[in-house]
Amino acid sequence: MFDFLIDGFGVALTPLNLGLAFLGAVLGTLFGALPGIGPINGIAILMPLAYTLGLPAESALILLAGVYTGAEYGGRMSSILLNVPGDAGAVMTTLDGHPLAKKGLAGPALGLSAVSSFVGATIAIIGLTLFAPLLAEVAVMFGPAEFFALMVFAFSSMAVMMGKDPIKTAIGAVLGVMIAMVGVDSGTGVLRYTFGMAELYDGIDFVVMIIGLFAISEILLMLEHANRQDASDEMPPLGRVMVSFKELAYCKWTMLRCGLIGFIVGVLPGTGASVAGAVSYTTEKRISDKEGTFGTGDMRGLAAPEAANNASAAGSFVPMLTLGIPGSGTTAVLLGALMLYNITPGPLLFSERPEVAGGLIASLYIGNVVLLALNLPLAGLFARVLTLPRWVLVPGIAILAFAGVYQLNSDLTAIYLMLIIGVFGYLLRKLGFSLAPVILGYVLGGLMEDNLRRALSISGGDLGILWQSGISLGLWIAAALLLVVPWLMAKLLARRSLDGV
């Protein structure tokens, strides 16, 4: 295991990869600081550019992973200073972060969030180092039936834990699966959802889907609110950014507990930082909020979601690298980046492409240290990005989006398709749908269909193969429990409240 990590550092410490890790950390922090941009949009914009520049697979992944982890750091800035979450994962940060800023503690709040993010990410990266190779060895025993059951479990986990409305989450996932079905059926040659258009025979390109769904829809939302008064004038002064030892000691157990919670939640397929932040905050409030100070500017209320968010980001790499299942919407995009390089994530990645898996894990250690070193002394500089007007942001994002899609496809049809998907994503967001289930359904849908067909081919059409082995049966049971147990608990709590009345 340690030989594997040492080889990974040999890859990550090359001058090119070190520079890319640093660049990813800086760009990620900037993307995260801008409300509404977040890690998915940042990666979606940079992914085609990294590919067309001819970067090796491990270098491109190091850059994009740096953007991911950097955006988790950067998302706290607008949450604390403006009470506007940088992305969904930073929503819980506003509860105590902004009250601290209004008390004149904006600088210490930013410093504490940086340290909490570092602690949470470190716990998760160590967990990734220890458990990913072991899980990969177990995953080698997975056949098509086991992978199909695993994806059913991923959809169950997503429906229960992602978003406030499970029905809308399920609908979004189904829409993603339907989009994945577009094109010629590889098994039968039947045309599906092509509407007679030859351009759709090969399906919808992953980059077109990602940039349209996230970047273009975000541009449309920005244009919708173009006349809204900027909140940058209300940004409080930072003062000192370095957090004191007394403040760190006050929050040390919170950071450790919530870092562990964030890692566990991140490993579950289809969850992400928003779920990790909510679970950690509510858990820590029950444990530590004896005086009722959470929500009024308690340092522990800020440290809890920040440690969990970054731990979840690193934890989501575990199912992606070992099983080929995205742990979050952002890792679904990173999964697509690997597919651009014809690399299949899964248990064989560690043996067939150790430079990719090992280099990525080692770069997470390096990037985490870089992010802490950047975010403590330069928090004030990064915070200035919040003052950028929309007339600068919108054209900049649009240019990168159009250039990335055209460079990769050299076809105007891809541009038109990107715009159509962007309008579709904008309408979904206006209707209150989260886009993460859509992209997870898109990524998992094709894999799910392929594994179902392989399993049925092996069994001669006998459905019993899907739950024949102990692993697949256990996954089916876990998926059923995920769907049933929360419903039963809600019924029980409702009954108890009625009895109390």
Protein backbone atom coordinates (compact mmCIF):
# COMPACT_ATOMS: atom_id res chain seq x y z
CA MET A 1 0.00 0.00 0.00
CA PHE A 2 2.78 2.43 0.92
CA ASP A 3 4.75 1.46 -2.21
CA PHE A 4 1.67 2.38 -4.20
CA LEU A 5 1.53 5.79 -2.49
CA ILE A 6 5.28 6.41 -3.00
CA ASP A 7 4.92 5.67 -6.72
CA GLY A 8 1.98 8.06 -6.78
CA PHE A 9 4.11 10.85 -5.30
CA GLY A 10 6.68 10.12 -8.00
CA VAL A 11 4.00 11.02 -10.54
CA ALA A 12 2.51 13.96 -8.65
CA LEU A 13 5.85 15.63 -7.86
CA THR A 14 6.92 16.11 -11.48
CA PRO A 15 7.17 19.82 -12.36
CA LEU A 16 4.21 19.64 -14.77
CA ASN A 17 1.88 17.93 -12.30
CA LEU A 18 2.97 20.16 -9.41
CA GLY A 19 2.19 23.20 -11.51
CA LEU A 20 -1.18 21.77 -12.53
CA ALA A 21 -2.05 20.96 -8.91
CA PHE A 22 -1.25 24.55 -7.94
CA LEU A 23 -3.19 25.96 -10.92
CA GLY A 24 -6.18 23.72 -10.12
CA ALA A 25 -6.15 24.87 -6.49
CA VAL A 26 -6.14 28.57 -7.49
CA LEU A 27 -8.77 28.21 -10.21
CA GLY A 28 -10.92 25.99 -7.99
CA THR A 29 -10.88 28.54 -5.18
CA LEU A 30 -11.93 31.26 -7.64
CA PHE A 31 -14.69 29.10 -9.15
CA GLY A 32 -15.93 28.17 -5.68
CA ALA A 33 -15.94 31.78 -4.49
CA LEU A 34 -18.23 32.91 -7.30
CA PRO A 35 -21.85 32.18 -6.31
CA GLY A 36 -23.46 29.67 -8.64
CA ILE A 37 -20.30 28.57 -10.47
CA GLY A 38 -19.00 25.83 -8.17
CA PRO A 39 -16.86 22.78 -8.94
CA ILE A 40 -19.08 21.17 -11.60
CA ASN A 41 -19.12 24.24 -13.84
CA GLY A 42 -15.40 24.78 -13.33
CA ILE A 43 -14.53 21.21 -14.30
CA ALA A 44 -17.02 21.19 -17.18
CA ILE A 45 -15.36 24.29 -18.66
CA LEU A 46 -11.75 23.13 -18.17
CA MET A 47 -12.16 19.45 -19.11
CA PRO A 48 -12.30 19.88 -22.92
CA LEU A 49 -9.50 22.46 -22.78
CA ALA A 50 -7.25 20.04 -20.86
CA TYR A 51 -7.97 17.30 -23.41
CA THR A 52 -7.33 19.46 -26.47
CA LEU A 53 -4.06 20.73 -24.95
CA GLY A 54 -2.83 17.13 -25.05
CA LEU A 55 -2.27 16.72 -21.31
CA PRO A 56 -1.65 13.12 -20.20
CA ALA A 57 -4.57 11.46 -18.42
CA GLU A 58 -2.97 11.64 -14.97
CA SER A 59 -2.07 15.32 -15.44
CA ALA A 60 -5.57 16.27 -16.60
CA LEU A 61 -7.11 14.43 -13.66
CA ILE A 62 -4.73 16.13 -11.21
CA LEU A 63 -5.76 19.54 -12.61
CA LEU A 64 -9.49 18.78 -12.44
CA ALA A 65 -9.25 17.22 -8.98
CA GLY A 66 -7.46 20.37 -7.82
CA VAL A 67 -10.34 22.43 -9.15
CA TYR A 68 -12.80 20.17 -7.29
CA THR A 69 -11.11 20.42 -3.90
CA GLY A 70 -10.26 24.10 -4.40
CA ALA A 71 -13.90 24.93 -5.13
CA GLU A 72 -14.91 23.32 -1.83
CA TYR A 73 -12.51 25.72 -0.09
CA GLY A 74 -13.65 28.73 -2.12
CA GLY A 75 -17.38 28.14 -1.67
CA ARG A 76 -17.20 29.33 1.92
CA MET A 77 -16.21 32.90 1.06
CA SER A 78 -19.52 34.17 -0.31
CA SER A 79 -21.36 32.10 2.32
CA ILE A 80 -19.55 33.84 5.17
CA LEU A 81 -19.17 37.33 3.74
CA LEU A 82 -22.43 37.74 1.77
CA ASN A 83 -24.72 35.00 3.13
CA VAL A 84 -24.86 33.64 -0.46
CA PRO A 85 -23.68 30.01 -0.80
CA GLY A 86 -21.05 29.49 -3.49
CA ASP A 87 -22.60 26.10 -4.25
CA ALA A 88 -25.05 23.61 -2.72
CA GLY A 89 -22.40 22.22 -0.39
CA ALA A 90 -21.85 25.62 1.26
CA VAL A 91 -25.48 26.18 2.29
CA MET A 92 -24.92 25.02 5.89
CA THR A 93 -21.88 27.29 6.18
CA THR A 94 -24.14 30.35 6.03
CA LEU A 95 -25.96 29.40 9.25
CA ASP A 96 -23.08 30.36 11.55
CA GLY A 97 -20.54 31.79 9.11
CA HIS A 98 -22.46 34.95 8.20
CA PRO A 99 -23.53 35.72 11.80
CA LEU A 100 -19.83 35.55 12.73
CA ALA A 101 -19.05 38.05 9.93
CA LYS A 102 -21.77 40.41 11.22
CA LYS A 103 -20.13 40.24 14.66
CA GLY A 104 -16.91 41.58 13.12
CA LEU A 105 -15.25 38.14 12.95
CA ALA A 106 -15.24 37.68 9.17
CA GLY A 107 -11.47 37.18 9.06
CA PRO A 108 -11.28 34.57 11.84
CA ALA A 109 -14.32 32.82 10.31
CA LEU A 110 -12.51 32.51 6.97
CA GLY A 111 -9.37 31.29 8.75
CA LEU A 112 -11.26 28.71 10.78
CA SER A 113 -13.10 27.45 7.71
CA ALA A 114 -9.78 27.00 5.88
CA VAL A 115 -8.29 25.00 8.75
CA SER A 116 -11.48 22.94 9.15
CA SER A 117 -11.46 22.21 5.42
CA PHE A 118 -7.82 21.11 5.68
CA VAL A 119 -8.51 18.79 8.64
CA GLY A 120 -11.59 17.24 7.04
CA ALA A 121 -9.85 16.72 3.69
CA THR A 122 -6.79 15.20 5.39
CA ILE A 123 -8.93 12.65 7.25
CA ALA A 124 -10.69 11.69 4.01
CA ILE A 125 -7.51 11.47 1.91
CA ILE A 126 -5.97 9.13 4.50
CA GLY A 127 -9.17 7.07 4.35
CA LEU A 128 -8.96 7.06 0.54
CA THR A 129 -5.34 5.87 0.72
CA LEU A 130 -6.16 3.05 3.14
CA PHE A 131 -9.47 1.81 1.78
CA ALA A 132 -9.41 2.41 -1.99
CA PRO A 133 -6.80 -0.30 -2.80
CA LEU A 134 -8.53 -2.76 -0.44
CA LEU A 135 -11.95 -2.08 -1.95
CA ALA A 136 -10.45 -2.46 -5.42
CA GLU A 137 -9.29 -5.97 -4.48
CA VAL A 138 -12.81 -6.86 -3.35
CA ALA A 139 -14.36 -5.24 -6.44
CA VAL A 140 -12.35 -7.56 -8.70
CA MET A 141 -14.84 -10.26 -7.66
CA PHE A 142 -17.74 -8.19 -9.06
CA GLY A 143 -19.39 -9.55 -12.19
CA PRO A 144 -22.08 -7.90 -14.34
CA ALA A 145 -24.86 -8.94 -11.92
CA GLU A 146 -23.02 -7.43 -8.95
CA PHE A 147 -22.34 -4.18 -10.83
CA PHE A 148 -26.00 -3.93 -11.83
CA ALA A 149 -27.05 -4.39 -8.18
CA LEU A 150 -24.47 -1.79 -7.13
CA MET A 151 -25.98 0.74 -9.53
CA VAL A 152 -29.47 0.02 -8.22
CA PHE A 153 -28.04 0.75 -4.76
CA ALA A 154 -26.52 4.00 -6.10
CA PHE A 155 -29.89 5.13 -7.47
CA SER A 156 -31.60 4.26 -4.17
CA SER A 157 -28.97 6.20 -2.22
CA MET A 158 -29.37 9.17 -4.56
CA ALA A 159 -33.18 9.19 -4.30
CA VAL A 160 -33.11 9.18 -0.50
CA MET A 161 -30.14 11.41 0.30
CA MET A 162 -29.79 13.91 -2.54
CA GLY A 163 -32.09 16.93 -2.51
CA LYS A 164 -35.11 17.85 -0.43
CA ASP A 165 -37.67 16.27 -2.78
CA PRO A 166 -37.07 12.53 -3.48
CA ILE A 167 -39.70 12.55 -6.24
CA LYS A 168 -37.92 15.32 -8.16
CA THR A 169 -34.60 13.57 -7.56
CA ALA A 170 -36.00 10.34 -9.04
CA ILE A 171 -37.49 12.20 -12.03
CA GLY A 172 -34.14 13.92 -12.66
CA ALA A 173 -32.32 10.57 -12.57
CA VAL A 174 -34.83 9.05 -15.03
CA LEU A 175 -34.37 12.01 -17.38
CA GLY A 176 -30.60 11.44 -17.23
CA VAL A 177 -31.04 7.75 -18.07
CA MET A 178 -33.30 8.65 -21.00
CA ILE A 179 -30.70 11.07 -22.38
CA ALA A 180 -28.07 8.32 -22.05
CA MET A 181 -30.26 6.08 -24.24
CA VAL A 182 -30.12 8.48 -27.21
CA GLY A 183 -28.46 6.97 -30.29
CA VAL A 184 -28.00 3.55 -31.84
CA ASP A 185 -28.54 0.63 -29.46
CA SER A 186 -25.21 -1.20 -29.49
CA GLY A 187 -26.92 -4.55 -28.88
CA THR A 188 -29.72 -4.50 -31.43
CA GLY A 189 -28.95 -1.61 -33.78
CA VAL A 190 -32.31 0.02 -33.00
CA LEU A 191 -32.44 3.83 -33.14
CA ARG A 192 -33.57 5.39 -29.84
CA TYR A 193 -34.76 8.99 -29.35
CA THR A 194 -32.98 10.19 -32.51
CA PHE A 195 -36.09 11.72 -34.16
CA GLY A 196 -34.65 10.93 -37.58
CA MET A 197 -31.54 13.10 -37.01
CA ALA A 198 -28.32 11.44 -38.15
CA GLU A 199 -26.33 13.71 -35.79
CA LEU A 200 -27.83 11.87 -32.82
CA TYR A 201 -26.93 8.35 -33.99
CA ASP A 202 -23.76 8.39 -31.87
CA GLY A 203 -25.63 9.70 -28.83
CA ILE A 204 -25.07 12.96 -26.95
CA ASP A 205 -21.41 13.70 -26.25
CA PHE A 206 -20.52 13.86 -22.57
CA VAL A 207 -18.80 17.25 -22.81
CA VAL A 208 -21.75 18.75 -24.71
CA MET A 209 -24.09 17.40 -22.05
CA ILE A 210 -22.05 18.69 -19.11
CA ILE A 211 -21.33 22.17 -20.44
CA GLY A 212 -24.86 22.66 -21.71
CA LEU A 213 -26.55 21.37 -18.58
CA PHE A 214 -24.44 23.32 -16.10
CA ALA A 215 -22.52 26.19 -17.71
CA ILE A 216 -25.15 27.37 -20.22
CA SER A 217 -28.00 27.08 -17.72
CA GLU A 218 -25.91 29.09 -15.24
CA ILE A 219 -25.33 31.79 -17.86
CA LEU A 220 -29.09 32.01 -18.44
CA LEU A 221 -29.71 32.35 -14.70
CA MET A 222 -27.08 35.10 -14.49
CA LEU A 223 -28.73 36.95 -17.36
CA GLU A 224 -32.10 36.62 -15.65
CA HIS A 225 -30.71 38.35 -12.56
CA ALA A 226 -28.54 40.82 -14.48
CA ASN A 227 -30.41 43.82 -13.09
CA ARG A 228 -30.20 42.65 -9.51
CA GLN A 229 -28.05 44.89 -7.32
CA ASP A 230 -24.71 43.37 -6.48
CA ALA A 231 -24.25 42.39 -2.87
CA SER A 232 -20.54 43.15 -2.95
CA ASP A 233 -21.13 46.59 -1.44
CA GLU A 234 -22.36 44.86 1.73
CA MET A 235 -19.18 42.80 2.17
CA PRO A 236 -17.92 43.20 5.75
CA PRO A 237 -14.27 44.04 6.52
CA LEU A 238 -12.06 40.99 7.06
CA GLY A 239 -9.66 42.14 9.75
CA ARG A 240 -7.29 39.39 10.93
CA VAL A 241 -7.59 36.14 8.97
CA MET A 242 -5.33 33.92 11.09
CA VAL A 243 -7.33 31.87 13.56
CA SER A 244 -6.09 31.71 17.16
CA PHE A 245 -4.95 28.54 18.90
CA LYS A 246 -7.75 28.95 21.45
CA GLU A 247 -10.36 29.00 18.68
CA LEU A 248 -8.85 25.90 17.09
CA ALA A 249 -8.78 24.04 20.40
CA TYR A 250 -12.43 24.96 20.94
CA CYS A 251 -13.37 23.30 17.63
CA LYS A 252 -10.90 20.40 17.47
CA TRP A 253 -13.33 17.57 18.26
CA THR A 254 -15.93 19.09 15.96
CA MET A 255 -13.49 19.06 13.06
CA LEU A 256 -12.41 15.46 13.71
CA ARG A 257 -15.97 14.13 14.14
CA CYS A 258 -17.37 15.92 11.13
CA GLY A 259 -14.39 15.04 8.94
CA LEU A 260 -15.10 11.37 9.63
CA ILE A 261 -18.84 11.84 9.00
CA GLY A 262 -18.10 13.64 5.73
CA PHE A 263 -15.83 10.84 4.53
CA ILE A 264 -18.45 8.16 5.27
CA VAL A 265 -21.19 10.15 3.51
CA GLY A 266 -18.88 10.88 0.56
CA VAL A 267 -18.20 7.19 -0.01
CA LEU A 268 -21.93 6.53 -0.48
CA PRO A 269 -22.76 6.80 -4.21
CA GLY A 270 -24.86 9.77 -5.26
CA THR A 271 -24.62 11.90 -2.11
CA GLY A 272 -22.08 14.74 -2.18
CA ALA A 273 -21.06 17.73 -0.09
CA SER A 274 -24.57 19.11 0.47
CA VAL A 275 -25.69 15.91 2.22
CA ALA A 276 -22.43 15.69 4.19
CA GLY A 277 -22.77 19.30 5.38
CA ALA A 278 -26.38 18.83 6.50
CA VAL A 279 -25.72 15.53 8.30
CA SER A 280 -22.61 16.82 10.08
CA TYR A 281 -24.22 20.11 11.15
CA THR A 282 -27.33 18.47 12.60
CA THR A 283 -25.22 15.78 14.32
CA GLU A 284 -22.82 18.30 15.84
CA LYS A 285 -25.70 20.50 16.97
CA ARG A 286 -27.18 17.58 18.92
CA ILE A 287 -23.81 16.76 20.50
CA SER A 288 -22.35 20.21 21.25
CA ASP A 289 -25.08 22.85 21.24
CA LYS A 290 -25.79 22.82 24.99
CA GLU A 291 -26.15 26.61 25.17
CA GLY A 292 -28.31 27.00 22.04
CA THR A 293 -25.70 29.11 20.25
CA PHE A 294 -25.71 27.27 16.90
CA GLY A 295 -27.16 29.54 14.24
CA THR A 296 -26.14 32.71 16.03
CA GLY A 297 -22.42 32.67 15.20
CA ASP A 298 -20.91 29.61 16.91
CA MET A 299 -17.41 28.66 15.72
CA ARG A 300 -18.31 24.95 15.96
CA GLY A 301 -21.35 25.51 13.74
CA LEU A 302 -18.98 26.85 11.08
CA ALA A 303 -16.29 24.18 11.52
CA ALA A 304 -18.76 21.26 11.25
CA PRO A 305 -19.99 21.68 7.64
CA GLU A 306 -16.62 22.94 6.40
CA ALA A 307 -14.78 19.85 7.63
CA ALA A 308 -17.54 17.57 6.28
CA ASN A 309 -17.76 19.24 2.84
CA ASN A 310 -14.09 18.74 2.05
CA ALA A 311 -14.01 15.26 3.55
CA SER A 312 -16.96 14.32 1.37
CA ALA A 313 -15.19 15.64 -1.74
CA ALA A 314 -12.18 13.38 -1.12
CA GLY A 315 -14.36 10.47 -0.01
CA SER A 316 -16.36 10.56 -3.25
CA PHE A 317 -13.20 9.45 -5.10
CA VAL A 318 -13.39 6.03 -3.40
CA PRO A 319 -16.39 4.64 -5.34
CA MET A 320 -15.29 6.44 -8.52
CA LEU A 321 -11.80 4.95 -8.60
CA THR A 322 -12.59 1.48 -7.27
CA LEU A 323 -16.06 0.74 -8.64
CA GLY A 324 -16.52 3.20 -11.48
CA ILE A 325 -19.55 4.66 -9.66
CA PRO A 326 -19.62 8.44 -9.08
CA GLY A 327 -19.81 9.43 -5.44
CA SER A 328 -21.23 12.85 -6.33
CA GLY A 329 -22.29 14.97 -9.29
CA THR A 330 -18.76 16.38 -9.58
CA THR A 331 -17.10 12.95 -9.64
CA ALA A 332 -19.59 12.01 -12.37
CA VAL A 333 -17.98 14.75 -14.46
CA LEU A 334 -14.49 13.49 -13.52
CA LEU A 335 -15.63 10.01 -14.56
CA GLY A 336 -16.41 11.46 -17.97
CA ALA A 337 -12.92 12.97 -18.08
CA LEU A 338 -11.42 9.49 -17.67
CA MET A 339 -13.68 8.19 -20.43
CA LEU A 340 -12.37 10.92 -22.75
CA TYR A 341 -8.97 9.26 -22.36
CA ASN A 342 -10.46 5.76 -22.92
CA ILE A 343 -9.75 4.83 -19.30
CA THR A 344 -12.36 2.68 -17.59
CA PRO A 345 -12.57 3.43 -13.83
CA GLY A 346 -12.96 0.41 -11.62
CA PRO A 347 -10.97 -2.20 -9.71
CA LEU A 348 -8.49 -2.80 -12.55
CA LEU A 349 -7.52 0.89 -12.64
CA PHE A 350 -5.06 0.35 -9.77
CA SER A 351 -3.25 -2.45 -11.59
CA GLU A 352 -3.56 -1.35 -15.23
CA ARG A 353 -3.09 2.43 -14.77
CA PRO A 354 -1.38 2.88 -11.37
CA GLU A 355 0.08 6.22 -12.46
CA VAL A 356 -3.45 7.62 -12.80
CA ALA A 357 -4.84 6.31 -9.50
CA GLY A 358 -1.66 6.79 -7.47
CA GLY A 359 -0.84 10.18 -8.98
CA LEU A 360 -4.35 11.43 -8.24
CA ILE A 361 -4.31 10.31 -4.59
CA ALA A 362 -0.82 11.76 -4.02
CA SER A 363 -1.85 15.04 -5.67
CA LEU A 364 -4.73 15.35 -3.20
CA TYR A 365 -2.22 15.44 -0.33
CA ILE A 366 -0.18 18.10 -2.13
CA GLY A 367 -3.22 20.13 -3.20
CA ASN A 368 -4.61 20.12 0.33
CA VAL A 369 -1.43 21.67 1.72
CA VAL A 370 -1.31 24.18 -1.15
CA LEU A 371 -4.92 25.19 -0.51
CA LEU A 372 -4.29 25.83 3.18
CA ALA A 373 -1.15 27.85 2.37
CA LEU A 374 -3.09 29.90 -0.20
CA ASN A 375 -6.32 30.43 1.70
CA LEU A 376 -4.92 31.65 5.00
CA PRO A 377 -2.75 34.58 3.85
CA LEU A 378 -4.60 35.34 0.59
CA ALA A 379 -8.22 35.14 1.77
CA GLY A 380 -8.67 38.87 1.25
CA LEU A 381 -7.35 38.67 -2.31
CA PHE A 382 -9.62 35.74 -3.21
CA ALA A 383 -12.58 37.53 -1.62
CA ARG A 384 -12.16 40.40 -4.09
CA VAL A 385 -13.43 38.11 -6.85
CA LEU A 386 -16.87 38.55 -5.29
CA THR A 387 -16.86 42.14 -6.54
CA LEU A 388 -16.61 41.10 -10.22
CA PRO A 389 -19.67 42.44 -12.11
CA ARG A 390 -21.89 40.09 -14.10
CA TRP A 391 -21.02 41.81 -17.39
CA VAL A 392 -17.52 40.37 -16.94
CA LEU A 393 -18.51 36.92 -15.67
CA VAL A 394 -21.18 36.02 -18.24
CA PRO A 395 -19.12 36.65 -21.41
CA GLY A 396 -16.09 34.95 -19.84
CA ILE A 397 -17.97 31.77 -19.00
CA ALA A 398 -19.71 31.78 -22.41
CA ILE A 399 -16.42 32.10 -24.32
CA LEU A 400 -14.84 29.19 -22.40
CA ALA A 401 -17.96 27.03 -22.85
CA PHE A 402 -18.28 27.59 -26.62
CA ALA A 403 -14.52 27.25 -27.21
CA GLY A 404 -14.32 24.00 -25.22
CA VAL A 405 -17.19 22.30 -27.08
CA TYR A 406 -16.08 23.47 -30.54
CA GLN A 407 -12.43 22.51 -30.03
CA LEU A 408 -13.44 19.01 -29.01
CA ASN A 409 -16.08 18.40 -31.71
CA SER A 410 -15.28 20.91 -34.52
CA ASP A 411 -18.97 20.79 -35.38
CA LEU A 412 -21.64 23.48 -35.11
CA THR A 413 -24.24 20.79 -34.44
CA ALA A 414 -22.57 20.21 -31.07
CA ILE A 415 -22.91 23.94 -30.31
CA TYR A 416 -26.63 23.92 -31.14
CA LEU A 417 -27.15 20.78 -29.07
CA MET A 418 -25.28 22.36 -26.16
CA LEU A 419 -27.59 25.38 -26.30
CA ILE A 420 -30.71 23.18 -26.39
CA ILE A 421 -29.48 21.21 -23.37
CA GLY A 422 -28.64 24.48 -21.63
CA VAL A 423 -32.20 25.76 -22.04
CA PHE A 424 -33.47 22.38 -20.81
CA GLY A 425 -31.23 22.63 -17.73
CA TYR A 426 -32.37 26.20 -17.10
CA LEU A 427 -36.03 25.13 -17.16
CA LEU A 428 -35.30 22.26 -14.76
CA ARG A 429 -33.62 24.62 -12.33
CA LYS A 430 -36.52 27.07 -12.52
CA LEU A 431 -38.86 24.19 -11.67
CA GLY A 432 -36.82 23.34 -8.57
CA PHE A 433 -34.96 20.29 -9.92
CA SER A 434 -31.36 19.59 -8.92
CA LEU A 435 -29.13 18.90 -11.94
CA ALA A 436 -26.82 16.46 -10.10
CA PRO A 437 -29.31 13.53 -10.32
CA VAL A 438 -29.68 14.19 -14.07
CA ILE A 439 -25.95 13.88 -14.72
CA LEU A 440 -25.65 10.86 -12.39
CA GLY A 441 -28.51 9.17 -14.25
CA TYR A 442 -26.80 9.99 -17.55
CA VAL A 443 -23.49 8.45 -16.42
CA LEU A 444 -24.94 5.41 -14.65
CA GLY A 445 -27.71 4.69 -17.18
CA GLY A 446 -25.47 3.35 -19.93
CA LEU A 447 -23.33 1.36 -17.50
CA MET A 448 -26.43 -0.11 -15.88
CA GLU A 449 -27.85 -1.23 -19.23
CA ASP A 450 -24.57 -2.78 -20.36
CA ASN A 451 -24.16 -4.78 -17.15
CA LEU A 452 -27.78 -5.96 -17.22
CA ARG A 453 -27.33 -7.26 -20.76
CA ARG A 454 -24.07 -9.02 -19.92
CA ALA A 455 -25.61 -10.68 -16.87
CA LEU A 456 -28.64 -11.90 -18.84
CA SER A 457 -26.38 -13.13 -21.65
CA ILE A 458 -24.40 -15.22 -19.15
CA SER A 459 -27.57 -16.71 -17.62
CA GLY A 460 -29.41 -17.24 -20.90
CA GLY A 461 -32.10 -14.73 -19.91
CA ASP A 462 -32.65 -16.01 -16.35
CA LEU A 463 -33.32 -13.01 -14.07
CA GLY A 464 -32.27 -15.03 -11.02
CA ILE A 465 -28.62 -14.25 -11.77
CA LEU A 466 -29.20 -10.66 -10.62
CA TRP A 467 -29.49 -11.76 -6.96
CA GLN A 468 -27.77 -15.13 -7.06
CA SER A 469 -24.47 -14.20 -5.38
CA GLY A 470 -24.13 -13.02 -1.79
CA ILE A 471 -22.69 -9.66 -2.88
CA SER A 472 -25.54 -8.82 -5.26
CA LEU A 473 -28.17 -10.04 -2.78
CA GLY A 474 -26.65 -7.85 -0.05
CA LEU A 475 -26.71 -4.83 -2.36
CA TRP A 476 -30.37 -5.45 -3.25
CA ILE A 477 -31.26 -5.66 0.44
CA ALA A 478 -29.30 -2.48 1.20
CA ALA A 479 -31.05 -0.65 -1.64
CA ALA A 480 -34.46 -1.77 -0.35
CA LEU A 481 -33.62 -0.70 3.21
CA LEU A 482 -32.48 2.72 1.97
CA LEU A 483 -35.87 3.27 0.41
CA VAL A 484 -38.03 1.76 3.17
CA VAL A 485 -36.32 2.74 6.45
CA PRO A 486 -36.56 6.56 6.03
CA TRP A 487 -40.24 6.22 5.10
CA LEU A 488 -40.92 4.06 8.18
CA MET A 489 -39.01 6.47 10.44
CA ALA A 490 -40.99 9.43 9.08
CA LYS A 491 -44.25 7.56 9.76
CA LEU A 492 -43.08 6.69 13.29
CA LEU A 493 -42.08 10.29 14.07
CA ALA A 494 -45.39 11.57 12.71
CA ARG A 495 -47.29 9.11 14.90
CA ARG A 496 -45.28 10.12 17.97
CA SER A 497 -45.96 13.81 17.33
CA LEU A 498 -49.69 13.08 17.01
CA ASP A 499 -49.61 11.10 20.26
CA GLY A 500 -47.85 14.02 21.96
CA VAL A 501 -50.55 16.42 20.80
